[in-house]
Amino acid sequence: MKVLGIDPGLAQTGWAVVEQGQDTQSFTLRGAGLIKTTPGESLPQRLQRIQSTLTQVLKEHAPQSVAIEEIFFLKAAKSILGTSQARGVILVATTQSGVPLSEYNPRQVKIVLTGNGQAKKNQMQKMIQMLLKLHSPPRPDDVADAMAIALCHLRSNRYKKLICLK
């Protein structure tokens, strides 16, 4: 199964495509990137760039599922507004592509990847590095978060399948 993980943001939206092997325990990074917008652009231009780039990623990589991070409400109000708007165009692009969408909060992602809902950024990056067999910890943070979200979805689906088999 191939999953597109997305860490939404107005200034920077991270994305990563991760594929799960036939054994369900191996993972391969198929692509990753950062959609950047600048404050000098109008809001509609910034949102359109996010939507069009994501639409292209969906066409190019043809994931079977999309996983996106839920909004974390301890951030600044202005940041939440921009992230919410970015999420909106991401949800539209995903819906238009017909790919199923799942959402995970940051704590869920940390628990599924490390077993610790309070895991620090460097712990998460080391786990991502190990699972994807990367030479170094993933950077930038938004792309690393997108990888984590995709891995969370794949590992969560694996656990659901195991539970259903019993």
C-alpha atoms as a PDB file:
ATOM      1  CA  MET A   1       0.000   0.000   0.000  1.00  0.00           C
ATOM      2  CA  LYS A   2       1.215   3.498  -0.863  1.00  0.00           C
ATOM      3  CA  VAL A   3       0.268   6.435   1.402  1.00  0.00           C
ATOM      4  CA  LEU A   4       0.680  10.171   0.995  1.00  0.00           C
ATOM      5  CA  GLY A   5       1.348  11.762   4.389  1.00  0.00           C
ATOM      6  CA  ILE A   6       0.713  15.500   4.738  1.00  0.00           C
ATOM      7  CA  ASP A   7       1.766  17.996   7.403  1.00  0.00           C
ATOM      8  CA  PRO A   8      -0.394  21.024   6.525  1.00  0.00           C
ATOM      9  CA  GLY A   9       0.674  24.633   6.877  1.00  0.00           C
ATOM     10  CA  LEU A  10       0.136  27.883   5.016  1.00  0.00           C
ATOM     11  CA  ALA A  11       3.827  28.848   4.793  1.00  0.00           C
ATOM     12  CA  GLN A  12       5.093  25.270   4.431  1.00  0.00           C
ATOM     13  CA  THR A  13       3.215  22.051   3.753  1.00  0.00           C
ATOM     14  CA  GLY A  14       5.293  18.912   4.027  1.00  0.00           C
ATOM     15  CA  TRP A  15       4.399  15.801   2.051  1.00  0.00           C
ATOM     16  CA  ALA A  16       5.827  12.295   1.800  1.00  0.00           C
ATOM     17  CA  VAL A  17       4.836   9.168  -0.093  1.00  0.00           C
ATOM     18  CA  VAL A  18       5.655   5.955   1.765  1.00  0.00           C
ATOM     19  CA  GLU A  19       5.020   2.462   0.436  1.00  0.00           C
ATOM     20  CA  GLN A  20       4.581  -0.590   2.626  1.00  0.00           C
ATOM     21  CA  GLY A  21       6.235  -3.824   1.505  1.00  0.00           C
ATOM     22  CA  GLN A  22       4.423  -7.114   0.976  1.00  0.00           C
ATOM     23  CA  ASP A  23       5.638  -8.276   4.387  1.00  0.00           C
ATOM     24  CA  THR A  24       3.825  -5.251   5.957  1.00  0.00           C
ATOM     25  CA  GLN A  25       6.912  -4.542   8.072  1.00  0.00           C
ATOM     26  CA  SER A  26       9.162  -2.862   5.506  1.00  0.00           C
ATOM     27  CA  PHE A  27       8.648   0.694   4.290  1.00  0.00           C
ATOM     28  CA  THR A  28      10.105   2.623   1.352  1.00  0.00           C
ATOM     29  CA  LEU A  29      10.114   6.374   0.845  1.00  0.00           C
ATOM     30  CA  ARG A  30       8.895   6.990  -2.723  1.00  0.00           C
ATOM     31  CA  GLY A  31       8.980  10.785  -2.668  1.00  0.00           C
ATOM     32  CA  ALA A  32       8.873  13.780  -0.378  1.00  0.00           C
ATOM     33  CA  GLY A  33       8.815  17.527  -0.618  1.00  0.00           C
ATOM     34  CA  LEU A  34       7.901  20.873   0.798  1.00  0.00           C
ATOM     35  CA  ILE A  35       5.280  23.181  -0.678  1.00  0.00           C
ATOM     36  CA  LYS A  36       6.407  26.706   0.206  1.00  0.00           C
ATOM     37  CA  THR A  37       4.383  29.886  -0.074  1.00  0.00           C
ATOM     38  CA  THR A  38       5.462  33.419   0.754  1.00  0.00           C
ATOM     39  CA  PRO A  39       3.670  36.050   2.826  1.00  0.00           C
ATOM     40  CA  GLY A  40       4.050  38.486  -0.101  1.00  0.00           C
ATOM     41  CA  GLU A  41       1.568  36.471  -2.146  1.00  0.00           C
ATOM     42  CA  SER A  42      -2.156  36.935  -1.677  1.00  0.00           C
ATOM     43  CA  LEU A  43      -3.948  34.313   0.413  1.00  0.00           C
ATOM     44  CA  PRO A  44      -5.816  32.909  -2.624  1.00  0.00           C
ATOM     45  CA  GLN A  45      -2.503  32.575  -4.514  1.00  0.00           C
ATOM     46  CA  ARG A  46      -0.892  30.742  -1.600  1.00  0.00           C
ATOM     47  CA  LEU A  47      -3.833  28.354  -1.225  1.00  0.00           C
ATOM     48  CA  GLN A  48      -3.965  27.749  -4.974  1.00  0.00           C
ATOM     49  CA  ARG A  49      -0.253  26.859  -4.996  1.00  0.00           C
ATOM     50  CA  ILE A  50      -0.800  24.308  -2.211  1.00  0.00           C
ATOM     51  CA  GLN A  51      -3.800  22.784  -3.986  1.00  0.00           C
ATOM     52  CA  SER A  52      -2.208  22.613  -7.447  1.00  0.00           C
ATOM     53  CA  THR A  53       1.077  21.174  -6.161  1.00  0.00           C
ATOM     54  CA  LEU A  54      -0.733  18.582  -4.077  1.00  0.00           C
ATOM     55  CA  THR A  55      -2.968  17.654  -7.022  1.00  0.00           C
ATOM     56  CA  GLN A  56       0.193  17.057  -9.072  1.00  0.00           C
ATOM     57  CA  VAL A  57       1.716  14.918  -6.287  1.00  0.00           C
ATOM     58  CA  LEU A  58      -1.490  12.845  -6.128  1.00  0.00           C
ATOM     59  CA  LYS A  59      -1.417  12.276  -9.911  1.00  0.00           C
ATOM     60  CA  GLU A  60       2.300  11.512 -10.035  1.00  0.00           C
ATOM     61  CA  HIS A  61       2.475   9.091  -7.098  1.00  0.00           C
ATOM     62  CA  ALA A  62      -1.064   7.594  -7.191  1.00  0.00           C
ATOM     63  CA  PRO A  63      -1.337   6.752  -3.473  1.00  0.00           C
ATOM     64  CA  GLN A  64      -4.071   4.388  -2.269  1.00  0.00           C
ATOM     65  CA  SER A  65      -4.629   6.541   0.807  1.00  0.00           C
ATOM     66  CA  VAL A  66      -3.885  10.003   2.201  1.00  0.00           C
ATOM     67  CA  ALA A  67      -3.106  10.687   5.862  1.00  0.00           C
ATOM     68  CA  ILE A  68      -3.108  14.218   7.246  1.00  0.00           C
ATOM     69  CA  GLU A  69      -2.246  15.701  10.610  1.00  0.00           C
ATOM     70  CA  GLU A  70      -5.136  17.116  12.606  1.00  0.00           C
ATOM     71  CA  ILE A  71      -4.787  20.680  13.822  1.00  0.00           C
ATOM     72  CA  PHE A  72      -3.017  21.034  17.155  1.00  0.00           C
ATOM     73  CA  PHE A  73      -4.679  23.864  19.077  1.00  0.00           C
ATOM     74  CA  LEU A  74      -1.784  25.000  21.272  1.00  0.00           C
ATOM     75  CA  LYS A  75      -0.292  26.973  18.407  1.00  0.00           C
ATOM     76  CA  ALA A  76      -0.852  30.697  17.921  1.00  0.00           C
ATOM     77  CA  ALA A  77      -4.322  31.706  16.699  1.00  0.00           C
ATOM     78  CA  LYS A  78      -2.937  33.250  13.491  1.00  0.00           C
ATOM     79  CA  SER A  79      -1.034  30.057  12.746  1.00  0.00           C
ATOM     80  CA  ILE A  80      -4.170  27.961  13.320  1.00  0.00           C
ATOM     81  CA  LEU A  81      -6.139  30.092  10.861  1.00  0.00           C
ATOM     82  CA  GLY A  82      -3.538  29.683   8.104  1.00  0.00           C
ATOM     83  CA  THR A  83      -3.161  25.975   8.789  1.00  0.00           C
ATOM     84  CA  SER A  84      -6.952  25.545   8.720  1.00  0.00           C
ATOM     85  CA  GLN A  85      -7.155  27.261   5.348  1.00  0.00           C
ATOM     86  CA  ALA A  86      -4.329  25.117   3.976  1.00  0.00           C
ATOM     87  CA  ARG A  87      -6.068  21.993   5.316  1.00  0.00           C
ATOM     88  CA  GLY A  88      -9.221  23.076   3.508  1.00  0.00           C
ATOM     89  CA  VAL A  89      -7.595  23.099   0.076  1.00  0.00           C
ATOM     90  CA  ILE A  90      -5.770  19.854   0.906  1.00  0.00           C
ATOM     91  CA  LEU A  91      -9.093  18.203   1.775  1.00  0.00           C
ATOM     92  CA  VAL A  92     -10.599  19.492  -1.491  1.00  0.00           C
ATOM     93  CA  ALA A  93      -7.664  18.221  -3.586  1.00  0.00           C
ATOM     94  CA  THR A  94      -7.821  14.826  -1.871  1.00  0.00           C
ATOM     95  CA  THR A  95     -11.595  14.548  -2.270  1.00  0.00           C
ATOM     96  CA  GLN A  96     -11.379  15.499  -5.949  1.00  0.00           C
ATOM     97  CA  SER A  97      -8.782  12.775  -6.498  1.00  0.00           C
ATOM     98  CA  GLY A  98     -11.088  10.156  -4.966  1.00  0.00           C
ATOM     99  CA  VAL A  99      -8.384   8.886  -2.599  1.00  0.00           C
ATOM    100  CA  PRO A 100      -9.569   7.933   0.922  1.00  0.00           C
ATOM    101  CA  LEU A 101      -8.391  10.259   3.692  1.00  0.00           C
ATOM    102  CA  SER A 102      -7.522   9.578   7.336  1.00  0.00           C
ATOM    103  CA  GLU A 103      -6.595  12.077  10.046  1.00  0.00           C
ATOM    104  CA  TYR A 104      -4.259  11.651  13.016  1.00  0.00           C
ATOM    105  CA  ASN A 105      -3.427  13.977  15.875  1.00  0.00           C
ATOM    106  CA  PRO A 106       0.235  14.510  16.818  1.00  0.00           C
ATOM    107  CA  ARG A 107      -0.060  12.375  19.959  1.00  0.00           C
ATOM    108  CA  GLN A 108      -1.453   9.413  17.977  1.00  0.00           C
ATOM    109  CA  VAL A 109       1.449   9.663  15.531  1.00  0.00           C
ATOM    110  CA  LYS A 110       3.983   9.689  18.379  1.00  0.00           C
ATOM    111  CA  ILE A 111       2.376   6.701  20.103  1.00  0.00           C
ATOM    112  CA  VAL A 112       2.192   4.597  16.942  1.00  0.00           C
ATOM    113  CA  LEU A 113       5.793   5.346  15.944  1.00  0.00           C
ATOM    114  CA  THR A 114       7.573   5.361  19.313  1.00  0.00           C
ATOM    115  CA  GLY A 115       5.112   4.050  21.897  1.00  0.00           C
ATOM    116  CA  ASN A 116       5.415   7.397  23.695  1.00  0.00           C
ATOM    117  CA  GLY A 117       2.836  10.155  23.204  1.00  0.00           C
ATOM    118  CA  GLN A 118       5.347  12.659  24.598  1.00  0.00           C
ATOM    119  CA  ALA A 119       8.188  11.720  22.213  1.00  0.00           C
ATOM    120  CA  LYS A 120      10.555  14.542  21.306  1.00  0.00           C
ATOM    121  CA  LYS A 121      11.273  15.639  17.732  1.00  0.00           C
ATOM    122  CA  ASN A 122      14.697  13.940  17.674  1.00  0.00           C
ATOM    123  CA  GLN A 123      13.183  10.633  18.906  1.00  0.00           C
ATOM    124  CA  MET A 124      10.605  10.786  16.124  1.00  0.00           C
ATOM    125  CA  GLN A 125      13.250  11.554  13.502  1.00  0.00           C
ATOM    126  CA  LYS A 126      15.421   8.627  14.631  1.00  0.00           C
ATOM    127  CA  MET A 127      12.435   6.267  14.409  1.00  0.00           C
ATOM    128  CA  ILE A 128      11.559   7.569  10.927  1.00  0.00           C
ATOM    129  CA  GLN A 129      15.202   7.167   9.886  1.00  0.00           C
ATOM    130  CA  MET A 130      15.215   3.574  11.145  1.00  0.00           C
ATOM    131  CA  LEU A 131      11.853   2.566   9.613  1.00  0.00           C
ATOM    132  CA  LEU A 132      12.648   4.102   6.212  1.00  0.00           C
ATOM    133  CA  LYS A 133      16.335   3.065   6.303  1.00  0.00           C
ATOM    134  CA  LEU A 134      17.501   6.640   5.670  1.00  0.00           C
ATOM    135  CA  HIS A 135      21.187   7.613   5.929  1.00  0.00           C
ATOM    136  CA  SER A 136      20.407  10.555   8.215  1.00  0.00           C
ATOM    137  CA  PRO A 137      17.458  11.924  10.194  1.00  0.00           C
ATOM    138  CA  PRO A 138      14.840  13.427   7.858  1.00  0.00           C
ATOM    139  CA  ARG A 139      14.741  17.189   7.368  1.00  0.00           C
ATOM    140  CA  PRO A 140      13.117  19.698   7.217  1.00  0.00           C
ATOM    141  CA  ASP A 141      10.699  19.194  10.116  1.00  0.00           C
ATOM    142  CA  ASP A 142       7.537  19.542   8.001  1.00  0.00           C
ATOM    143  CA  VAL A 143       8.689  16.796   5.627  1.00  0.00           C
ATOM    144  CA  ALA A 144       9.751  14.595   8.568  1.00  0.00           C
ATOM    145  CA  ASP A 145       6.297  15.093  10.087  1.00  0.00           C
ATOM    146  CA  ALA A 146       4.670  14.081   6.786  1.00  0.00           C
ATOM    147  CA  MET A 147       6.780  10.894   6.755  1.00  0.00           C
ATOM    148  CA  ALA A 148       5.707  10.180  10.336  1.00  0.00           C
ATOM    149  CA  ILE A 149       2.028  10.669   9.467  1.00  0.00           C
ATOM    150  CA  ALA A 150       2.292   8.279   6.493  1.00  0.00           C
ATOM    151  CA  LEU A 151       4.087   5.688   8.639  1.00  0.00           C
ATOM    152  CA  CYS A 152       1.486   6.108  11.385  1.00  0.00           C
ATOM    153  CA  HIS A 153      -1.282   5.359   8.899  1.00  0.00           C
ATOM    154  CA  LEU A 154       0.466   2.294   7.498  1.00  0.00           C
ATOM    155  CA  ARG A 155       1.317   0.895  10.916  1.00  0.00           C
ATOM    156  CA  SER A 156      -2.199   1.621  12.234  1.00  0.00           C
ATOM    157  CA  ASN A 157      -3.731  -0.241   9.282  1.00  0.00           C
ATOM    158  CA  ARG A 158      -1.386  -3.172   9.926  1.00  0.00           C
ATOM    159  CA  TYR A 159      -2.525  -3.375  13.551  1.00  0.00           C
ATOM    160  CA  LYS A 160      -6.184  -3.147  12.520  1.00  0.00           C
ATOM    161  CA  LYS A 161      -5.696  -6.045  10.096  1.00  0.00           C
ATOM    162  CA  LEU A 162      -3.964  -8.135  12.764  1.00  0.00           C
ATOM    163  CA  ILE A 163      -6.791  -7.497  15.236  1.00  0.00           C
ATOM    164  CA  CYS A 164      -9.428  -8.416  12.639  1.00  0.00           C
ATOM    165  CA  LEU A 165      -7.644 -11.696  11.875  1.00  0.00           C
ATOM    166  CA  LYS A 166      -7.993 -12.873  15.473  1.00  0.00           C
END
